[in-house]
PDB file of N, CA and C in Angstrom:
ATOM      1  N   MET A   1      -0.552-112.448 -10.641  1.00  0.00           N
ATOM      2  CA  MET A   1      -0.830-111.181 -11.267  1.00  0.00           C
ATOM      3  C   MET A   1      -1.295-111.417 -12.701  1.00  0.00           C
ATOM      4  N   PRO A   2      -2.579-111.381 -12.927  1.00  0.00           N
ATOM      5  CA  PRO A   2      -3.076-111.600 -14.287  1.00  0.00           C
ATOM      6  C   PRO A   2      -2.694-110.432 -15.204  1.00  0.00           C
ATOM      7  N   THR A   3      -2.040-110.756 -16.307  1.00  0.00           N
ATOM      8  CA  THR A   3      -1.678-109.750 -17.300  1.00  0.00           C
ATOM      9  C   THR A   3      -2.849-109.528 -18.236  1.00  0.00           C
ATOM     10  N   VAL A   4      -3.201-108.279 -18.465  1.00  0.00           N
ATOM     11  CA  VAL A   4      -4.280-107.923 -19.389  1.00  0.00           C
ATOM     12  C   VAL A   4      -3.726-107.844 -20.801  1.00  0.00           C
ATOM     13  N   PHE A   5      -2.638-107.102 -20.983  1.00  0.00           N
ATOM     14  CA  PHE A   5      -1.939-107.047 -22.273  1.00  0.00           C
ATOM     15  C   PHE A   5      -0.576-106.409 -22.078  1.00  0.00           C
ATOM     16  N   VAL A   6       0.286-106.613 -23.078  1.00  0.00           N
ATOM     17  CA  VAL A   6       1.614-106.010 -23.106  1.00  0.00           C
ATOM     18  C   VAL A   6       1.756-105.295 -24.440  1.00  0.00           C
ATOM     19  N   LYS A   7       2.211-104.041 -24.396  1.00  0.00           N
ATOM     20  CA  LYS A   7       2.398-103.296 -25.634  1.00  0.00           C
ATOM     21  C   LYS A   7       3.445-102.213 -25.414  1.00  0.00           C
ATOM     22  N   ASP A   8       4.353-102.092 -26.378  1.00  0.00           N
ATOM     23  CA  ASP A   8       5.384-101.049 -26.368  1.00  0.00           C
ATOM     24  C   ASP A   8       6.193-101.021 -25.069  1.00  0.00           C
ATOM     25  N   GLY A   9       6.429-102.190 -24.507  1.00  0.00           N
ATOM     26  CA  GLY A   9       7.223-102.272 -23.287  1.00  0.00           C
ATOM     27  C   GLY A   9       6.448-102.040 -22.003  1.00  0.00           C
ATOM     28  N   PHE A  10       5.140-101.795 -22.106  1.00  0.00           N
ATOM     29  CA  PHE A  10       4.278-101.599 -20.941  1.00  0.00           C
ATOM     30  C   PHE A  10       3.500-102.879 -20.682  1.00  0.00           C
ATOM     31  N   ARG A  11       3.461-103.308 -19.428  1.00  0.00           N
ATOM     32  CA  ARG A  11       2.639-104.472 -19.049  1.00  0.00           C
ATOM     33  C   ARG A  11       1.488-103.967 -18.196  1.00  0.00           C
ATOM     34  N   PHE A  12       0.281-104.246 -18.650  1.00  0.00           N
ATOM     35  CA  PHE A  12      -0.943-103.860 -17.946  1.00  0.00           C
ATOM     36  C   PHE A  12      -1.455-105.101 -17.229  1.00  0.00           C
ATOM     37  N   PHE A  13      -1.712-104.957 -15.930  1.00  0.00           N
ATOM     38  CA  PHE A  13      -2.055-106.145 -15.143  1.00  0.00           C
ATOM     39  C   PHE A  13      -2.892-105.766 -13.925  1.00  0.00           C
ATOM     40  N   PHE A  14      -3.443-106.802 -13.296  1.00  0.00           N
ATOM     41  CA  PHE A  14      -4.133-106.673 -12.011  1.00  0.00           C
ATOM     42  C   PHE A  14      -3.356-107.471 -10.984  1.00  0.00           C
ATOM     43  N   TYR A  15      -3.471-107.110  -9.732  1.00  0.00           N
ATOM     44  CA  TYR A  15      -3.028-107.979  -8.650  1.00  0.00           C
ATOM     45  C   TYR A  15      -4.192-108.918  -8.326  1.00  0.00           C
ATOM     46  N   SER A  16      -3.895-110.131  -7.949  1.00  0.00           N
ATOM     47  CA  SER A  16      -4.946-111.121  -7.738  1.00  0.00           C
ATOM     48  C   SER A  16      -5.878-110.762  -6.578  1.00  0.00           C
ATOM     49  N   ASN A  17      -5.452-109.865  -5.700  1.00  0.00           N
ATOM     50  CA  ASN A  17      -6.305-109.458  -4.580  1.00  0.00           C
ATOM     51  C   ASN A  17      -6.783-108.009  -4.734  1.00  0.00           C
ATOM     52  N   ASP A  18      -6.852-107.512  -5.981  1.00  0.00           N
ATOM     53  CA  ASP A  18      -7.253-106.127  -6.220  1.00  0.00           C
ATOM     54  C   ASP A  18      -8.678-105.860  -5.765  1.00  0.00           C
ATOM     55  N   HIS A  19      -9.032-104.614  -5.723  1.00  0.00           N
ATOM     56  CA  HIS A  19     -10.293-104.133  -5.162  1.00  0.00           C
ATOM     57  C   HIS A  19     -10.900-103.114  -6.110  1.00  0.00           C
ATOM     58  N   THR A  20     -12.158-102.809  -5.929  1.00  0.00           N
ATOM     59  CA  THR A  20     -12.794-101.764  -6.718  1.00  0.00           C
ATOM     60  C   THR A  20     -12.372-100.407  -6.173  1.00  0.00           C
ATOM     61  N   PRO A  21     -12.471 -99.363  -6.963  1.00  0.00           N
ATOM     62  CA  PRO A  21     -13.017 -99.279  -8.311  1.00  0.00           C
ATOM     63  C   PRO A  21     -12.095 -99.974  -9.318  1.00  0.00           C
ATOM     64  N   ILE A  22     -12.655-100.257 -10.484  1.00  0.00           N
ATOM     65  CA  ILE A  22     -11.888-100.925 -11.531  1.00  0.00           C
ATOM     66  C   ILE A  22     -10.678-100.064 -11.873  1.00  0.00           C
ATOM     67  N   HIS A  23      -9.510-100.694 -11.836  1.00  0.00           N
ATOM     68  CA  HIS A  23      -8.268-100.000 -12.157  1.00  0.00           C
ATOM     69  C   HIS A  23      -7.273-101.001 -12.718  1.00  0.00           C
ATOM     70  N   VAL A  24      -6.215-100.484 -13.319  1.00  0.00           N
ATOM     71  CA  VAL A  24      -5.191-101.345 -13.901  1.00  0.00           C
ATOM     72  C   VAL A  24      -3.822-100.811 -13.489  1.00  0.00           C
ATOM     73  N   HIS A  25      -2.916-101.725 -13.208  1.00  0.00           N
ATOM     74  CA  HIS A  25      -1.531-101.387 -12.904  1.00  0.00           C
ATOM     75  C   HIS A  25      -0.735-101.479 -14.200  1.00  0.00           C
ATOM     76  N   VAL A  26       0.253-100.611 -14.339  1.00  0.00           N
ATOM     77  CA  VAL A  26       1.088-100.588 -15.542  1.00  0.00           C
ATOM     78  C   VAL A  26       2.540-100.541 -15.097  1.00  0.00           C
ATOM     79  N   ARG A  27       3.349-101.453 -15.644  1.00  0.00           N
ATOM     80  CA  ARG A  27       4.776-101.449 -15.349  1.00  0.00           C
ATOM     81  C   ARG A  27       5.572-101.284 -16.631  1.00  0.00           C
ATOM     82  N   ARG A  28       6.627-100.522 -16.489  1.00  0.00           N
ATOM     83  CA  ARG A  28       7.634-100.422 -17.545  1.00  0.00           C
ATOM     84  C   ARG A  28       8.952-100.204 -16.835  1.00  0.00           C
ATOM     85  N   GLY A  29       9.903-101.102 -17.068  1.00  0.00           N
ATOM     86  CA  GLY A  29      11.168-101.023 -16.339  1.00  0.00           C
ATOM     87  C   GLY A  29      10.918-101.109 -14.846  1.00  0.00           C
ATOM     88  N   ASP A  30      11.487-100.169 -14.106  1.00  0.00           N
ATOM     89  CA  ASP A  30      11.309-100.142 -12.653  1.00  0.00           C
ATOM     90  C   ASP A  30      10.139 -99.271 -12.225  1.00  0.00           C
ATOM     91  N   GLY A  31       9.425 -98.667 -13.186  1.00  0.00           N
ATOM     92  CA  GLY A  31       8.328 -97.765 -12.848  1.00  0.00           C
ATOM     93  C   GLY A  31       6.984 -98.466 -12.863  1.00  0.00           C
ATOM     94  N   GLU A  32       6.049 -97.904 -12.122  1.00  0.00           N
ATOM     95  CA  GLU A  32       4.684 -98.445 -12.095  1.00  0.00           C
ATOM     96  C   GLU A  32       3.700 -97.294 -11.914  1.00  0.00           C
ATOM     97  N   ALA A  33       2.548 -97.449 -12.545  1.00  0.00           N
ATOM     98  CA  ALA A  33       1.455 -96.487 -12.395  1.00  0.00           C
ATOM     99  C   ALA A  33       0.163 -97.262 -12.217  1.00  0.00           C
ATOM    100  N   VAL A  34      -0.835 -96.576 -11.683  1.00  0.00           N
ATOM    101  CA  VAL A  34      -2.167 -97.154 -11.525  1.00  0.00           C
ATOM    102  C   VAL A  34      -3.158 -96.178 -12.145  1.00  0.00           C
ATOM    103  N   PHE A  35      -4.021 -96.718 -13.017  1.00  0.00           N
ATOM    104  CA  PHE A  35      -5.049 -95.910 -13.657  1.00  0.00           C
ATOM    105  C   PHE A  35      -6.423 -96.452 -13.298  1.00  0.00           C
ATOM    106  N   LYS A  36      -7.302 -95.577 -12.852  1.00  0.00           N
ATOM    107  CA  LYS A  36      -8.713 -95.915 -12.682  1.00  0.00           C
ATOM    108  C   LYS A  36      -9.302 -95.937 -14.087  1.00  0.00           C
ATOM    109  N   VAL A  37     -10.169 -96.896 -14.379  1.00  0.00           N
ATOM    110  CA  VAL A  37     -10.704 -97.016 -15.739  1.00  0.00           C
ATOM    111  C   VAL A  37     -12.221 -97.082 -15.786  1.00  0.00           C
ATOM    112  N   GLU A  38     -12.890 -96.642 -14.757  1.00  0.00           N
ATOM    113  CA  GLU A  38     -14.352 -96.594 -14.783  1.00  0.00           C
ATOM    114  C   GLU A  38     -14.799 -95.240 -15.294  1.00  0.00           C
ATOM    115  N   GLY A  39     -15.553 -95.225 -16.393  1.00  0.00           N
ATOM    116  CA  GLY A  39     -16.030 -93.971 -16.964  1.00  0.00           C
ATOM    117  C   GLY A  39     -14.994 -93.334 -17.866  1.00  0.00           C
ATOM    118  N   SER A  40     -13.826 -93.056 -17.313  1.00  0.00           N
ATOM    119  CA  SER A  40     -12.706 -92.534 -18.097  1.00  0.00           C
ATOM    120  C   SER A  40     -11.425 -92.992 -17.422  1.00  0.00           C
ATOM    121  N   VAL A  41     -10.325 -92.850 -18.123  1.00  0.00           N
ATOM    122  CA  VAL A  41      -9.031 -93.252 -17.581  1.00  0.00           C
ATOM    123  C   VAL A  41      -8.447 -92.075 -16.807  1.00  0.00           C
ATOM    124  N   VAL A  42      -8.117 -92.325 -15.538  1.00  0.00           N
ATOM    125  CA  VAL A  42      -7.573 -91.280 -14.661  1.00  0.00           C
ATOM    126  C   VAL A  42      -6.371 -91.848 -13.921  1.00  0.00           C
ATOM    127  N   LEU A  43      -5.252 -91.151 -13.978  1.00  0.00           N
ATOM    128  CA  LEU A  43      -4.070 -91.565 -13.236  1.00  0.00           C
ATOM    129  C   LEU A  43      -4.341 -91.447 -11.735  1.00  0.00           C
ATOM    130  N   ARG A  44      -4.116 -92.541 -11.015  1.00  0.00           N
ATOM    131  CA  ARG A  44      -4.308 -92.536  -9.569  1.00  0.00           C
ATOM    132  C   ARG A  44      -2.994 -92.323  -8.829  1.00  0.00           C
ATOM    133  N   GLU A  45      -1.936 -92.965  -9.325  1.00  0.00           N
ATOM    134  CA  GLU A  45      -0.626 -92.810  -8.698  1.00  0.00           C
ATOM    135  C   GLU A  45       0.445 -93.352  -9.635  1.00  0.00           C
ATOM    136  N   SER A  46       1.675 -92.883  -9.432  1.00  0.00           N
ATOM    137  CA  SER A  46       2.785 -93.408 -10.225  1.00  0.00           C
ATOM    138  C   SER A  46       4.094 -93.234  -9.469  1.00  0.00           C
ATOM    139  N   VAL A  47       5.021 -94.130  -9.778  1.00  0.00           N
ATOM    140  CA  VAL A  47       6.359 -94.095  -9.198  1.00  0.00           C
ATOM    141  C   VAL A  47       7.336 -94.534 -10.288  1.00  0.00           C
ATOM    142  N   GLY A  48       8.352 -93.729 -10.533  1.00  0.00           N
ATOM    143  CA  GLY A  48       9.445 -94.158 -11.400  1.00  0.00           C
ATOM    144  C   GLY A  48       9.191 -94.081 -12.892  1.00  0.00           C
ATOM    145  N   LEU A  49       8.079 -93.525 -13.325  1.00  0.00           N
ATOM    146  CA  LEU A  49       7.823 -93.361 -14.756  1.00  0.00           C
ATOM    147  C   LEU A  49       7.970 -91.892 -15.124  1.00  0.00           C
ATOM    148  N   LYS A  50       8.559 -91.653 -16.291  1.00  0.00           N
ATOM    149  CA  LYS A  50       8.714 -90.293 -16.783  1.00  0.00           C
ATOM    150  C   LYS A  50       7.380 -89.787 -17.332  1.00  0.00           C
ATOM    151  N   THR A  51       7.275 -88.489 -17.478  1.00  0.00           N
ATOM    152  CA  THR A  51       6.041 -87.867 -17.965  1.00  0.00           C
ATOM    153  C   THR A  51       5.627 -88.447 -19.316  1.00  0.00           C
ATOM    154  N   LYS A  52       6.589 -88.626 -20.221  1.00  0.00           N
ATOM    155  CA  LYS A  52       6.275 -89.206 -21.545  1.00  0.00           C
ATOM    156  C   LYS A  52       5.764 -90.637 -21.415  1.00  0.00           C
ATOM    157  N   GLU A  53       6.354 -91.393 -20.513  1.00  0.00           N
ATOM    158  CA  GLU A  53       5.913 -92.773 -20.306  1.00  0.00           C
ATOM    159  C   GLU A  53       4.499 -92.798 -19.726  1.00  0.00           C
ATOM    160  N   LEU A  54       4.210 -91.909 -18.798  1.00  0.00           N
ATOM    161  CA  LEU A  54       2.857 -91.836 -18.230  1.00  0.00           C
ATOM    162  C   LEU A  54       1.836 -91.482 -19.302  1.00  0.00           C
ATOM    163  N   ALA A  55       2.184 -90.542 -20.166  1.00  0.00           N
ATOM    164  CA  ALA A  55       1.269 -90.144 -21.238  1.00  0.00           C
ATOM    165  C   ALA A  55       1.012 -91.315 -22.178  1.00  0.00           C
ATOM    166  N   LYS A  56       2.053 -92.066 -22.527  1.00  0.00           N
ATOM    167  CA  LYS A  56       1.894 -93.231 -23.398  1.00  0.00           C
ATOM    168  C   LYS A  56       1.056 -94.307 -22.713  1.00  0.00           C
ATOM    169  N   ALA A  57       1.322 -94.553 -21.438  1.00  0.00           N
ATOM    170  CA  ALA A  57       0.549 -95.551 -20.689  1.00  0.00           C
ATOM    171  C   ALA A  57      -0.916 -95.150 -20.617  1.00  0.00           C
ATOM    172  N   GLU A  58      -1.180 -93.876 -20.389  1.00  0.00           N
ATOM    173  CA  GLU A  58      -2.565 -93.404 -20.342  1.00  0.00           C
ATOM    174  C   GLU A  58      -3.245 -93.561 -21.700  1.00  0.00           C
ATOM    175  N   ASP A  59      -2.530 -93.249 -22.770  1.00  0.00           N
ATOM    176  CA  ASP A  59      -3.081 -93.445 -24.117  1.00  0.00           C
ATOM    177  C   ASP A  59      -3.423 -94.910 -24.365  1.00  0.00           C
ATOM    178  N   LEU A  60      -2.520 -95.804 -23.977  1.00  0.00           N
ATOM    179  CA  LEU A  60      -2.775 -97.239 -24.162  1.00  0.00           C
ATOM    180  C   LEU A  60      -3.941 -97.711 -23.301  1.00  0.00           C
ATOM    181  N   ALA A  61      -4.024 -97.233 -22.073  1.00  0.00           N
ATOM    182  CA  ALA A  61      -5.144 -97.611 -21.200  1.00  0.00           C
ATOM    183  C   ALA A  61      -6.463 -97.118 -21.779  1.00  0.00           C
ATOM    184  N   THR A  62      -6.462 -95.924 -22.328  1.00  0.00           N
ATOM    185  CA  THR A  62      -7.678 -95.375 -22.940  1.00  0.00           C
ATOM    186  C   THR A  62      -8.063 -96.190 -24.176  1.00  0.00           C
ATOM    187  N   GLU A  63      -7.074 -96.502 -24.993  1.00  0.00           N
ATOM    188  CA  GLU A  63      -7.308 -97.287 -26.208  1.00  0.00           C
ATOM    189  C   GLU A  63      -7.871 -98.668 -25.884  1.00  0.00           C
ATOM    190  N   HIS A  64      -7.437 -99.251 -24.782  1.00  0.00           N
ATOM    191  CA  HIS A  64      -7.829-100.622 -24.422  1.00  0.00           C
ATOM    192  C   HIS A  64      -8.753-100.674 -23.205  1.00  0.00           C
ATOM    193  N   MET A  65      -9.452 -99.575 -22.919  1.00  0.00           N
ATOM    194  CA  MET A  65     -10.290 -99.503 -21.724  1.00  0.00           C
ATOM    195  C   MET A  65     -11.356-100.602 -21.706  1.00  0.00           C
ATOM    196  N   GLU A  66     -12.002-100.851 -22.820  1.00  0.00           N
ATOM    197  CA  GLU A  66     -13.038-101.901 -22.858  1.00  0.00           C
ATOM    198  C   GLU A  66     -12.440-103.261 -22.534  1.00  0.00           C
ATOM    199  N   LEU A  67     -11.256-103.557 -23.065  1.00  0.00           N
ATOM    200  CA  LEU A  67     -10.587-104.827 -22.778  1.00  0.00           C
ATOM    201  C   LEU A  67     -10.238-104.929 -21.295  1.00  0.00           C
ATOM    202  N   ILE A  68      -9.731-103.847 -20.718  1.00  0.00           N
ATOM    203  CA  ILE A  68      -9.369-103.846 -19.295  1.00  0.00           C
ATOM    204  C   ILE A  68     -10.593-104.147 -18.439  1.00  0.00           C
ATOM    205  N   ILE A  69     -11.695-103.487 -18.739  1.00  0.00           N
ATOM    206  CA  ILE A  69     -12.932-103.701 -17.966  1.00  0.00           C
ATOM    207  C   ILE A  69     -13.445-105.122 -18.150  1.00  0.00           C
ATOM    208  N   LEU A  70     -13.414-105.623 -19.379  1.00  0.00           N
ATOM    209  CA  LEU A  70     -13.843-106.996 -19.655  1.00  0.00           C
ATOM    210  C   LEU A  70     -12.997-107.989 -18.865  1.00  0.00           C
ATOM    211  N   LYS A  71     -11.684-107.834 -18.918  1.00  0.00           N
ATOM    212  CA  LYS A  71     -10.789-108.757 -18.204  1.00  0.00           C
ATOM    213  C   LYS A  71     -10.968-108.655 -16.686  1.00  0.00           C
ATOM    214  N   TRP A  72     -11.239-107.438 -16.191  1.00  0.00           N
ATOM    215  CA  TRP A  72     -11.507-107.263 -14.749  1.00  0.00           C
ATOM    216  C   TRP A  72     -12.709-108.128 -14.350  1.00  0.00           C
ATOM    217  N   HIS A  73     -13.807-108.004 -15.108  1.00  0.00           N
ATOM    218  CA  HIS A  73     -15.009-108.763 -14.768  1.00  0.00           C
ATOM    219  C   HIS A  73     -14.792-110.265 -14.942  1.00  0.00           C
ATOM    220  N   GLU A  74     -14.041-110.672 -15.950  1.00  0.00           N
ATOM    221  CA  GLU A  74     -13.755-112.106 -16.128  1.00  0.00           C
ATOM    222  C   GLU A  74     -12.985-112.646 -14.932  1.00  0.00           C
ATOM    223  N   TYR A  75     -12.070-111.860 -14.399  1.00  0.00           N
ATOM    224  CA  TYR A  75     -11.225-112.361 -13.322  1.00  0.00           C
ATOM    225  C   TYR A  75     -11.874-112.220 -11.940  1.00  0.00           C
ATOM    226  N   PHE A  76     -12.521-111.094 -11.679  1.00  0.00           N
ATOM    227  CA  PHE A  76     -12.975-110.816 -10.320  1.00  0.00           C
ATOM    228  C   PHE A  76     -14.454-111.124 -10.065  1.00  0.00           C
ATOM    229  N   ASP A  77     -15.249-111.278 -11.096  1.00  0.00           N
ATOM    230  CA  ASP A  77     -16.685-111.548 -10.864  1.00  0.00           C
ATOM    231  C   ASP A  77     -16.972-113.026 -10.743  1.00  0.00           C
TER     232      ASP A  77
END
């Protein structure tokens, strides 16, 4: 599982067998969410994260969207 970055207790990562569209997984504690990051950041699914945690994760994904896309292409292309 390649880690893209870690910030404020959130780990943003890909699974090594991930698929398009470009998306990133986010874990904090026992919770996980998936955000699509092509064009804009959109929550695809989440389990075990509170609303505030999802909002923070989405903000971080938006802030680092270019990095996420760059790392996706470095790993999967």
